[in-house]
Amino acid sequence: MSRRKPPQLAFAPRGEDWSRFRWKPLDRTIAKFESQSLLNLVAAAIDSPECGHRLPSLTLIWSRVASRAPQGALLADPSHLHPLVQAARIAAPQLEHL
């Protein structure tokens, strides 16, 4: 019996493998934040017309925070968006192609 490769997603740009993420950089970045403030910040950024070009990165951050709520005490504010997006791009370099 031979092992089959999982099928590539039809929408995967340039044959990128979307089944693999390096979560550790993103998890380290979000760990210091209070969960609800981070969800609120990322949700506001997703809704903002100025952040539309970052929607894939923001969606990845939001889904990670929603599924693994950080236990930190730091309240998230807009100045934290840039390092969060950078951490998402490290976790999922495939985002470059979106």
PDB file of N, CA and C in Angstrom:
ATOM      1  N   MET A   1       0.847  -1.165   0.000  1.00  0.00           N
ATOM      2  CA  MET A   1       0.000   0.000   0.000  1.00  0.00           C
ATOM      3  C   MET A   1       0.898   1.235   0.000  1.00  0.00           C
ATOM      4  N   SER A   2       0.745   2.082  -0.976  1.00  0.00           N
ATOM      5  CA  SER A   2       1.569   3.287  -1.052  1.00  0.00           C
ATOM      6  C   SER A   2       0.871   4.446  -0.348  1.00  0.00           C
ATOM      7  N   ARG A   3       1.669   5.333   0.180  1.00  0.00           N
ATOM      8  CA  ARG A   3       1.122   6.507   0.853  1.00  0.00           C
ATOM      9  C   ARG A   3       0.872   7.583  -0.184  1.00  0.00           C
ATOM     10  N   ARG A   4      -0.299   8.160  -0.140  1.00  0.00           N
ATOM     11  CA  ARG A   4      -0.647   9.208  -1.091  1.00  0.00           C
ATOM     12  C   ARG A   4      -0.431  10.562  -0.452  1.00  0.00           C
ATOM     13  N   LYS A   5      -0.008  11.494  -1.271  1.00  0.00           N
ATOM     14  CA  LYS A   5       0.128  12.862  -0.806  1.00  0.00           C
ATOM     15  C   LYS A   5      -1.266  13.457  -0.672  1.00  0.00           C
ATOM     16  N   PRO A   6      -1.451  14.335   0.328  1.00  0.00           N
ATOM     17  CA  PRO A   6      -2.754  15.000   0.406  1.00  0.00           C
ATOM     18  C   PRO A   6      -2.944  15.880  -0.811  1.00  0.00           C
ATOM     19  N   PRO A   7      -4.172  16.008  -1.289  1.00  0.00           N
ATOM     20  CA  PRO A   7      -4.400  16.813  -2.484  1.00  0.00           C
ATOM     21  C   PRO A   7      -4.092  18.283  -2.210  1.00  0.00           C
ATOM     22  N   GLN A   8      -3.543  18.951  -3.212  1.00  0.00           N
ATOM     23  CA  GLN A   8      -3.295  20.381  -3.117  1.00  0.00           C
ATOM     24  C   GLN A   8      -4.615  21.120  -3.271  1.00  0.00           C
ATOM     25  N   LEU A   9      -4.765  22.170  -2.517  1.00  0.00           N
ATOM     26  CA  LEU A   9      -5.974  22.969  -2.644  1.00  0.00           C
ATOM     27  C   LEU A   9      -5.972  23.683  -3.985  1.00  0.00           C
ATOM     28  N   ALA A  10      -7.115  23.742  -4.612  1.00  0.00           N
ATOM     29  CA  ALA A  10      -7.215  24.348  -5.936  1.00  0.00           C
ATOM     30  C   ALA A  10      -6.857  25.831  -5.915  1.00  0.00           C
ATOM     31  N   PHE A  11      -7.104  26.513  -4.800  1.00  0.00           N
ATOM     32  CA  PHE A  11      -6.855  27.945  -4.743  1.00  0.00           C
ATOM     33  C   PHE A  11      -5.477  28.286  -4.184  1.00  0.00           C
ATOM     34  N   ALA A  12      -4.669  27.287  -3.882  1.00  0.00           N
ATOM     35  CA  ALA A  12      -3.355  27.545  -3.307  1.00  0.00           C
ATOM     36  C   ALA A  12      -2.452  28.202  -4.345  1.00  0.00           C
ATOM     37  N   PRO A  13      -2.063  29.451  -4.126  1.00  0.00           N
ATOM     38  CA  PRO A  13      -1.226  30.129  -5.092  1.00  0.00           C
ATOM     39  C   PRO A  13       0.153  29.502  -5.174  1.00  0.00           C
ATOM     40  N   ARG A  14       0.609  29.319  -6.369  1.00  0.00           N
ATOM     41  CA  ARG A  14       1.953  28.809  -6.641  1.00  0.00           C
ATOM     42  C   ARG A  14       2.249  27.500  -5.929  1.00  0.00           C
ATOM     43  N   GLY A  15       1.235  26.698  -5.694  1.00  0.00           N
ATOM     44  CA  GLY A  15       1.431  25.400  -5.076  1.00  0.00           C
ATOM     45  C   GLY A  15       1.894  25.453  -3.631  1.00  0.00           C
ATOM     46  N   GLU A  16       1.607  26.532  -2.929  1.00  0.00           N
ATOM     47  CA  GLU A  16       2.008  26.656  -1.530  1.00  0.00           C
ATOM     48  C   GLU A  16       1.326  25.585  -0.683  1.00  0.00           C
ATOM     49  N   ASP A  17       2.051  25.089   0.297  1.00  0.00           N
ATOM     50  CA  ASP A  17       1.519  24.080   1.207  1.00  0.00           C
ATOM     51  C   ASP A  17       0.868  24.787   2.396  1.00  0.00           C
ATOM     52  N   TRP A  18      -0.457  24.816   2.420  1.00  0.00           N
ATOM     53  CA  TRP A  18      -1.195  25.514   3.476  1.00  0.00           C
ATOM     54  C   TRP A  18      -1.462  24.627   4.674  1.00  0.00           C
ATOM     55  N   SER A  19      -0.931  23.410   4.672  1.00  0.00           N
ATOM     56  CA  SER A  19      -1.165  22.517   5.803  1.00  0.00           C
ATOM     57  C   SER A  19      -0.122  22.717   6.906  1.00  0.00           C
ATOM     58  N   ARG A  20       0.884  23.529   6.646  1.00  0.00           N
ATOM     59  CA  ARG A  20       1.962  23.695   7.625  1.00  0.00           C
ATOM     60  C   ARG A  20       2.113  25.159   8.028  1.00  0.00           C
ATOM     61  N   PHE A  21       2.082  25.371   9.337  1.00  0.00           N
ATOM     62  CA  PHE A  21       2.326  26.687   9.907  1.00  0.00           C
ATOM     63  C   PHE A  21       3.362  26.536  11.009  1.00  0.00           C
ATOM     64  N   ARG A  22       4.130  27.578  11.231  1.00  0.00           N
ATOM     65  CA  ARG A  22       5.066  27.623  12.361  1.00  0.00           C
ATOM     66  C   ARG A  22       4.401  28.523  13.406  1.00  0.00           C
ATOM     67  N   TRP A  23       3.621  27.921  14.278  1.00  0.00           N
ATOM     68  CA  TRP A  23       2.799  28.680  15.209  1.00  0.00           C
ATOM     69  C   TRP A  23       3.596  29.366  16.317  1.00  0.00           C
ATOM     70  N   LYS A  24       4.768  28.844  16.654  1.00  0.00           N
ATOM     71  CA  LYS A  24       5.501  29.342  17.820  1.00  0.00           C
ATOM     72  C   LYS A  24       5.738  30.862  17.789  1.00  0.00           C
ATOM     73  N   PRO A  25       6.175  31.472  16.676  1.00  0.00           N
ATOM     74  CA  PRO A  25       6.390  32.928  16.686  1.00  0.00           C
ATOM     75  C   PRO A  25       5.102  33.710  16.970  1.00  0.00           C
ATOM     76  N   LEU A  26       4.004  33.273  16.408  1.00  0.00           N
ATOM     77  CA  LEU A  26       2.729  33.956  16.637  1.00  0.00           C
ATOM     78  C   LEU A  26       2.251  33.720  18.067  1.00  0.00           C
ATOM     79  N   ASP A  27       2.374  32.498  18.543  1.00  0.00           N
ATOM     80  CA  ASP A  27       1.957  32.194  19.920  1.00  0.00           C
ATOM     81  C   ASP A  27       2.760  33.003  20.940  1.00  0.00           C
ATOM     82  N   ARG A  28       4.066  33.152  20.694  1.00  0.00           N
ATOM     83  CA  ARG A  28       4.896  33.956  21.597  1.00  0.00           C
ATOM     84  C   ARG A  28       4.457  35.416  21.588  1.00  0.00           C
ATOM     85  N   THR A  29       4.101  35.915  20.428  1.00  0.00           N
ATOM     86  CA  THR A  29       3.699  37.319  20.311  1.00  0.00           C
ATOM     87  C   THR A  29       2.366  37.578  20.995  1.00  0.00           C
ATOM     88  N   ILE A  30       1.404  36.664  20.851  1.00  0.00           N
ATOM     89  CA  ILE A  30       0.081  36.910  21.431  1.00  0.00           C
ATOM     90  C   ILE A  30      -0.007  36.552  22.909  1.00  0.00           C
ATOM     91  N   ALA A  31       0.951  35.797  23.422  1.00  0.00           N
ATOM     92  CA  ALA A  31       0.874  35.289  24.802  1.00  0.00           C
ATOM     93  C   ALA A  31       0.762  36.388  25.853  1.00  0.00           C
ATOM     94  N   LYS A  32       1.347  37.542  25.616  1.00  0.00           N
ATOM     95  CA  LYS A  32       1.383  38.601  26.627  1.00  0.00           C
ATOM     96  C   LYS A  32       0.094  39.411  26.704  1.00  0.00           C
ATOM     97  N   PHE A  33      -0.816  39.209  25.743  1.00  0.00           N
ATOM     98  CA  PHE A  33      -2.022  40.034  25.655  1.00  0.00           C
ATOM     99  C   PHE A  33      -3.196  39.439  26.414  1.00  0.00           C
ATOM    100  N   GLU A  34      -4.065  40.329  26.850  1.00  0.00           N
ATOM    101  CA  GLU A  34      -5.360  39.942  27.398  1.00  0.00           C
ATOM    102  C   GLU A  34      -6.227  39.555  26.207  1.00  0.00           C
ATOM    103  N   SER A  35      -6.857  38.419  26.286  1.00  0.00           N
ATOM    104  CA  SER A  35      -7.540  37.813  25.147  1.00  0.00           C
ATOM    105  C   SER A  35      -8.612  38.707  24.510  1.00  0.00           C
ATOM    106  N   GLN A  36      -9.530  39.219  25.302  1.00  0.00           N
ATOM    107  CA  GLN A  36     -10.644  39.988  24.738  1.00  0.00           C
ATOM    108  C   GLN A  36     -10.168  41.281  24.087  1.00  0.00           C
ATOM    109  N   SER A  37      -9.186  41.941  24.675  1.00  0.00           N
ATOM    110  CA  SER A  37      -8.693  43.186  24.071  1.00  0.00           C
ATOM    111  C   SER A  37      -8.012  42.906  22.736  1.00  0.00           C
ATOM    112  N   LEU A  38      -7.328  41.770  22.642  1.00  0.00           N
ATOM    113  CA  LEU A  38      -6.671  41.403  21.392  1.00  0.00           C
ATOM    114  C   LEU A  38      -7.701  41.038  20.324  1.00  0.00           C
ATOM    115  N   LEU A  39      -8.725  40.280  20.704  1.00  0.00           N
ATOM    116  CA  LEU A  39      -9.789  39.963  19.749  1.00  0.00           C
ATOM    117  C   LEU A  39     -10.473  41.236  19.254  1.00  0.00           C
ATOM    118  N   ASN A  40     -10.730  42.171  20.164  1.00  0.00           N
ATOM    119  CA  ASN A  40     -11.376  43.419  19.774  1.00  0.00           C
ATOM    120  C   ASN A  40     -10.498  44.228  18.818  1.00  0.00           C
ATOM    121  N   LEU A  41      -9.204  44.302  19.114  1.00  0.00           N
ATOM    122  CA  LEU A  41      -8.283  45.041  18.253  1.00  0.00           C
ATOM    123  C   LEU A  41      -8.233  44.440  16.856  1.00  0.00           C
ATOM    124  N   VAL A  42      -8.065  43.136  16.788  1.00  0.00           N
ATOM    125  CA  VAL A  42      -7.941  42.480  15.483  1.00  0.00           C
ATOM    126  C   VAL A  42      -9.267  42.562  14.722  1.00  0.00           C
ATOM    127  N   ALA A  43     -10.383  42.407  15.401  1.00  0.00           N
ATOM    128  CA  ALA A  43     -11.686  42.529  14.739  1.00  0.00           C
ATOM    129  C   ALA A  43     -11.887  43.941  14.191  1.00  0.00           C
ATOM    130  N   ALA A  44     -11.477  44.952  14.947  1.00  0.00           N
ATOM    131  CA  ALA A  44     -11.592  46.333  14.468  1.00  0.00           C
ATOM    132  C   ALA A  44     -10.706  46.558  13.246  1.00  0.00           C
ATOM    133  N   ALA A  45      -9.506  45.987  13.264  1.00  0.00           N
ATOM    134  CA  ALA A  45      -8.609  46.117  12.116  1.00  0.00           C
ATOM    135  C   ALA A  45      -9.180  45.407  10.890  1.00  0.00           C
ATOM    136  N   ILE A  46      -9.790  44.249  11.095  1.00  0.00           N
ATOM    137  CA  ILE A  46     -10.401  43.519   9.984  1.00  0.00           C
ATOM    138  C   ILE A  46     -11.511  44.349   9.352  1.00  0.00           C
ATOM    139  N   ASP A  47     -12.274  45.052  10.184  1.00  0.00           N
ATOM    140  CA  ASP A  47     -13.380  45.873   9.680  1.00  0.00           C
ATOM    141  C   ASP A  47     -12.929  47.188   9.073  1.00  0.00           C
ATOM    142  N   SER A  48     -11.704  47.573   9.322  1.00  0.00           N
ATOM    143  CA  SER A  48     -11.207  48.859   8.844  1.00  0.00           C
ATOM    144  C   SER A  48     -10.859  48.807   7.358  1.00  0.00           C
ATOM    145  N   PRO A  49     -11.320  49.791   6.582  1.00  0.00           N
ATOM    146  CA  PRO A  49     -10.971  49.812   5.156  1.00  0.00           C
ATOM    147  C   PRO A  49      -9.466  49.990   4.926  1.00  0.00           C
ATOM    148  N   GLU A  50      -8.779  50.584   5.881  1.00  0.00           N
ATOM    149  CA  GLU A  50      -7.339  50.811   5.741  1.00  0.00           C
ATOM    150  C   GLU A  50      -6.514  49.533   5.888  1.00  0.00           C
ATOM    151  N   CYS A  51      -7.096  48.497   6.455  1.00  0.00           N
ATOM    152  CA  CYS A  51      -6.353  47.259   6.700  1.00  0.00           C
ATOM    153  C   CYS A  51      -6.779  46.123   5.769  1.00  0.00           C
ATOM    154  N   GLY A  52      -7.524  46.422   4.739  1.00  0.00           N
ATOM    155  CA  GLY A  52      -8.007  45.380   3.833  1.00  0.00           C
ATOM    156  C   GLY A  52      -6.901  44.543   3.230  1.00  0.00           C
ATOM    157  N   HIS A  53      -5.764  45.157   2.948  1.00  0.00           N
ATOM    158  CA  HIS A  53      -4.659  44.417   2.342  1.00  0.00           C
ATOM    159  C   HIS A  53      -4.007  43.448   3.333  1.00  0.00           C
ATOM    160  N   ARG A  54      -4.320  43.586   4.610  1.00  0.00           N
ATOM    161  CA  ARG A  54      -3.781  42.689   5.644  1.00  0.00           C
ATOM    162  C   ARG A  54      -4.811  41.670   6.123  1.00  0.00           C
ATOM    163  N   LEU A  55      -5.920  41.572   5.442  1.00  0.00           N
ATOM    164  CA  LEU A  55      -7.006  40.691   5.870  1.00  0.00           C
ATOM    165  C   LEU A  55      -6.564  39.240   6.085  1.00  0.00           C
ATOM    166  N   PRO A  56      -5.778  38.623   5.193  1.00  0.00           N
ATOM    167  CA  PRO A  56      -5.354  37.237   5.455  1.00  0.00           C
ATOM    168  C   PRO A  56      -4.547  37.100   6.754  1.00  0.00           C
ATOM    169  N   SER A  57      -3.619  38.023   6.988  1.00  0.00           N
ATOM    170  CA  SER A  57      -2.816  37.969   8.216  1.00  0.00           C
ATOM    171  C   SER A  57      -3.679  38.201   9.445  1.00  0.00           C
ATOM    172  N   LEU A  58      -4.562  39.174   9.369  1.00  0.00           N
ATOM    173  CA  LEU A  58      -5.436  39.489  10.504  1.00  0.00           C
ATOM    174  C   LEU A  58      -6.388  38.339  10.803  1.00  0.00           C
ATOM    175  N   THR A  59      -6.876  37.685   9.774  1.00  0.00           N
ATOM    176  CA  THR A  59      -7.769  36.542   9.963  1.00  0.00           C
ATOM    177  C   THR A  59      -7.030  35.392  10.646  1.00  0.00           C
ATOM    178  N   LEU A  60      -5.779  35.175  10.251  1.00  0.00           N
ATOM    179  CA  LEU A  60      -4.973  34.144  10.895  1.00  0.00           C
ATOM    180  C   LEU A  60      -4.766  34.471  12.369  1.00  0.00           C
ATOM    181  N   ILE A  61      -4.450  35.721  12.684  1.00  0.00           N
ATOM    182  CA  ILE A  61      -4.256  36.141  14.073  1.00  0.00           C
ATOM    183  C   ILE A  61      -5.552  35.957  14.861  1.00  0.00           C
ATOM    184  N   TRP A  62      -6.654  36.435  14.305  1.00  0.00           N
ATOM    185  CA  TRP A  62      -7.938  36.356  15.006  1.00  0.00           C
ATOM    186  C   TRP A  62      -8.302  34.904  15.300  1.00  0.00           C
ATOM    187  N   SER A  63      -8.134  34.033  14.314  1.00  0.00           N
ATOM    188  CA  SER A  63      -8.512  32.631  14.520  1.00  0.00           C
ATOM    189  C   SER A  63      -7.610  31.955  15.551  1.00  0.00           C
ATOM    190  N   ARG A  64      -6.337  32.334  15.586  1.00  0.00           N
ATOM    191  CA  ARG A  64      -5.433  31.742  16.579  1.00  0.00           C
ATOM    192  C   ARG A  64      -5.791  32.223  17.980  1.00  0.00           C
ATOM    193  N   VAL A  65      -6.087  33.504  18.115  1.00  0.00           N
ATOM    194  CA  VAL A  65      -6.465  34.045  19.428  1.00  0.00           C
ATOM    195  C   VAL A  65      -7.790  33.444  19.888  1.00  0.00           C
ATOM    196  N   ALA A  66      -8.745  33.299  18.973  1.00  0.00           N
ATOM    197  CA  ALA A  66     -10.050  32.737  19.326  1.00  0.00           C
ATOM    198  C   ALA A  66      -9.946  31.266  19.735  1.00  0.00           C
ATOM    199  N   SER A  67      -9.022  30.538  19.121  1.00  0.00           N
ATOM    200  CA  SER A  67      -8.906  29.109  19.427  1.00  0.00           C
ATOM    201  C   SER A  67      -7.968  28.809  20.595  1.00  0.00           C
ATOM    202  N   ARG A  68      -7.022  29.702  20.862  1.00  0.00           N
ATOM    203  CA  ARG A  68      -6.055  29.508  21.954  1.00  0.00           C
ATOM    204  C   ARG A  68      -5.907  30.824  22.696  1.00  0.00           C
ATOM    205  N   ALA A  69      -6.884  31.133  23.490  1.00  0.00           N
ATOM    206  CA  ALA A  69      -6.931  32.432  24.177  1.00  0.00           C
ATOM    207  C   ALA A  69      -5.679  32.671  25.014  1.00  0.00           C
ATOM    208  N   PRO A  70      -4.976  33.773  24.734  1.00  0.00           N
ATOM    209  CA  PRO A  70      -3.803  34.087  25.551  1.00  0.00           C
ATOM    210  C   PRO A  70      -4.218  34.473  26.972  1.00  0.00           C
ATOM    211  N   GLN A  71      -3.320  34.287  27.912  1.00  0.00           N
ATOM    212  CA  GLN A  71      -3.619  34.541  29.322  1.00  0.00           C
ATOM    213  C   GLN A  71      -2.857  35.736  29.869  1.00  0.00           C
ATOM    214  N   GLY A  72      -2.334  36.585  28.988  1.00  0.00           N
ATOM    215  CA  GLY A  72      -1.552  37.732  29.431  1.00  0.00           C
ATOM    216  C   GLY A  72      -2.415  38.841  30.010  1.00  0.00           C
ATOM    217  N   ALA A  73      -1.756  39.920  30.426  1.00  0.00           N
ATOM    218  CA  ALA A  73      -2.458  41.039  31.052  1.00  0.00           C
ATOM    219  C   ALA A  73      -2.357  42.324  30.243  1.00  0.00           C
ATOM    220  N   LEU A  74      -1.553  42.339  29.181  1.00  0.00           N
ATOM    221  CA  LEU A  74      -1.359  43.544  28.384  1.00  0.00           C
ATOM    222  C   LEU A  74      -2.594  43.822  27.539  1.00  0.00           C
ATOM    223  N   LEU A  75      -3.112  45.039  27.640  1.00  0.00           N
ATOM    224  CA  LEU A  75      -4.252  45.431  26.818  1.00  0.00           C
ATOM    225  C   LEU A  75      -3.749  45.827  25.435  1.00  0.00           C
ATOM    226  N   ALA A  76      -4.314  45.225  24.419  1.00  0.00           N
ATOM    227  CA  ALA A  76      -3.886  45.476  23.038  1.00  0.00           C
ATOM    228  C   ALA A  76      -4.375  46.838  22.569  1.00  0.00           C
ATOM    229  N   ASP A  77      -3.500  47.543  21.848  1.00  0.00           N
ATOM    230  CA  ASP A  77      -3.893  48.812  21.236  1.00  0.00           C
ATOM    231  C   ASP A  77      -3.335  48.850  19.815  1.00  0.00           C
ATOM    232  N   PRO A  78      -3.723  49.827  19.010  1.00  0.00           N
ATOM    233  CA  PRO A  78      -3.312  49.847  17.604  1.00  0.00           C
ATOM    234  C   PRO A  78      -1.803  49.787  17.363  1.00  0.00           C
ATOM    235  N   SER A  79      -1.011  50.241  18.312  1.00  0.00           N
ATOM    236  CA  SER A  79       0.444  50.178  18.123  1.00  0.00           C
ATOM    237  C   SER A  79       0.964  48.734  18.101  1.00  0.00           C
ATOM    238  N   HIS A  80       0.161  47.787  18.533  1.00  0.00           N
ATOM    239  CA  HIS A  80       0.562  46.382  18.555  1.00  0.00           C
ATOM    240  C   HIS A  80       0.270  45.655  17.247  1.00  0.00           C
ATOM    241  N   LEU A  81      -0.450  46.282  16.338  1.00  0.00           N
ATOM    242  CA  LEU A  81      -0.829  45.594  15.095  1.00  0.00           C
ATOM    243  C   LEU A  81       0.378  45.198  14.242  1.00  0.00           C
ATOM    244  N   HIS A  82       1.327  46.099  14.091  1.00  0.00           N
ATOM    245  CA  HIS A  82       2.477  45.802  13.224  1.00  0.00           C
ATOM    246  C   HIS A  82       3.245  44.558  13.679  1.00  0.00           C
ATOM    247  N   PRO A  83       3.637  44.454  14.971  1.00  0.00           N
ATOM    248  CA  PRO A  83       4.334  43.230  15.385  1.00  0.00           C
ATOM    249  C   PRO A  83       3.471  41.972  15.271  1.00  0.00           C
ATOM    250  N   LEU A  84       2.172  42.117  15.454  1.00  0.00           N
ATOM    251  CA  LEU A  84       1.283  40.959  15.298  1.00  0.00           C
ATOM    252  C   LEU A  84       1.267  40.478  13.855  1.00  0.00           C
ATOM    253  N   VAL A  85       1.147  41.402  12.923  1.00  0.00           N
ATOM    254  CA  VAL A  85       1.134  41.032  11.500  1.00  0.00           C
ATOM    255  C   VAL A  85       2.482  40.434  11.103  1.00  0.00           C
ATOM    256  N   GLN A  86       3.568  40.989  11.606  1.00  0.00           N
ATOM    257  CA  GLN A  86       4.894  40.420  11.322  1.00  0.00           C
ATOM    258  C   GLN A  86       4.986  38.980  11.836  1.00  0.00           C
ATOM    259  N   ALA A  87       4.481  38.728  13.029  1.00  0.00           N
ATOM    260  CA  ALA A  87       4.509  37.372  13.589  1.00  0.00           C
ATOM    261  C   ALA A  87       3.655  36.424  12.753  1.00  0.00           C
ATOM    262  N   ALA A  88       2.527  36.910  12.255  1.00  0.00           N
ATOM    263  CA  ALA A  88       1.675  36.072  11.398  1.00  0.00           C
ATOM    264  C   ALA A  88       2.394  35.727  10.100  1.00  0.00           C
ATOM    265  N   ARG A  89       3.132  36.671   9.541  1.00  0.00           N
ATOM    266  CA  ARG A  89       3.864  36.420   8.291  1.00  0.00           C
ATOM    267  C   ARG A  89       5.006  35.432   8.513  1.00  0.00           C
ATOM    268  N   ILE A  90       5.581  35.429   9.716  1.00  0.00           N
ATOM    269  CA  ILE A  90       6.621  34.442  10.031  1.00  0.00           C
ATOM    270  C   ILE A  90       5.988  33.064  10.216  1.00  0.00           C
ATOM    271  N   ALA A  91       4.837  33.037  10.879  1.00  0.00           N
ATOM    272  CA  ALA A  91       4.131  31.771  11.123  1.00  0.00           C
ATOM    273  C   ALA A  91       3.646  31.147   9.825  1.00  0.00           C
ATOM    274  N   ALA A  92       3.230  31.984   8.889  1.00  0.00           N
ATOM    275  CA  ALA A  92       2.678  31.495   7.618  1.00  0.00           C
ATOM    276  C   ALA A  92       3.247  32.319   6.466  1.00  0.00           C
ATOM    277  N   PRO A  93       4.458  31.985   6.003  1.00  0.00           N
ATOM    278  CA  PRO A  93       5.055  32.746   4.916  1.00  0.00           C
ATOM    279  C   PRO A  93       4.233  32.702   3.622  1.00  0.00           C
ATOM    280  N   GLN A  94       3.302  31.750   3.559  1.00  0.00           N
ATOM    281  CA  GLN A  94       2.439  31.650   2.384  1.00  0.00           C
ATOM    282  C   GLN A  94       1.596  32.906   2.206  1.00  0.00           C
ATOM    283  N   LEU A  95       1.390  33.663   3.284  1.00  0.00           N
ATOM    284  CA  LEU A  95       0.583  34.877   3.205  1.00  0.00           C
ATOM    285  C   LEU A  95       1.161  35.881   2.221  1.00  0.00           C
ATOM    286  N   GLU A  96       2.425  35.780   1.946  1.00  0.00           N
ATOM    287  CA  GLU A  96       3.088  36.705   1.007  1.00  0.00           C
ATOM    288  C   GLU A  96       2.408  36.679  -0.361  1.00  0.00           C
ATOM    289  N   HIS A  97       1.856  35.543  -0.725  1.00  0.00           N
ATOM    290  CA  HIS A  97       1.274  35.374  -2.059  1.00  0.00           C
ATOM    291  C   HIS A  97      -0.177  35.784  -2.153  1.00  0.00           C
ATOM    292  N   LEU A  98      -0.751  36.240  -1.059  1.00  0.00           N
ATOM    293  CA  LEU A  98      -2.163  36.643  -1.078  1.00  0.00           C
ATOM    294  C   LEU A  98      -2.295  38.132  -1.220  1.00  0.00           C
TER     295      LEU A  98
END
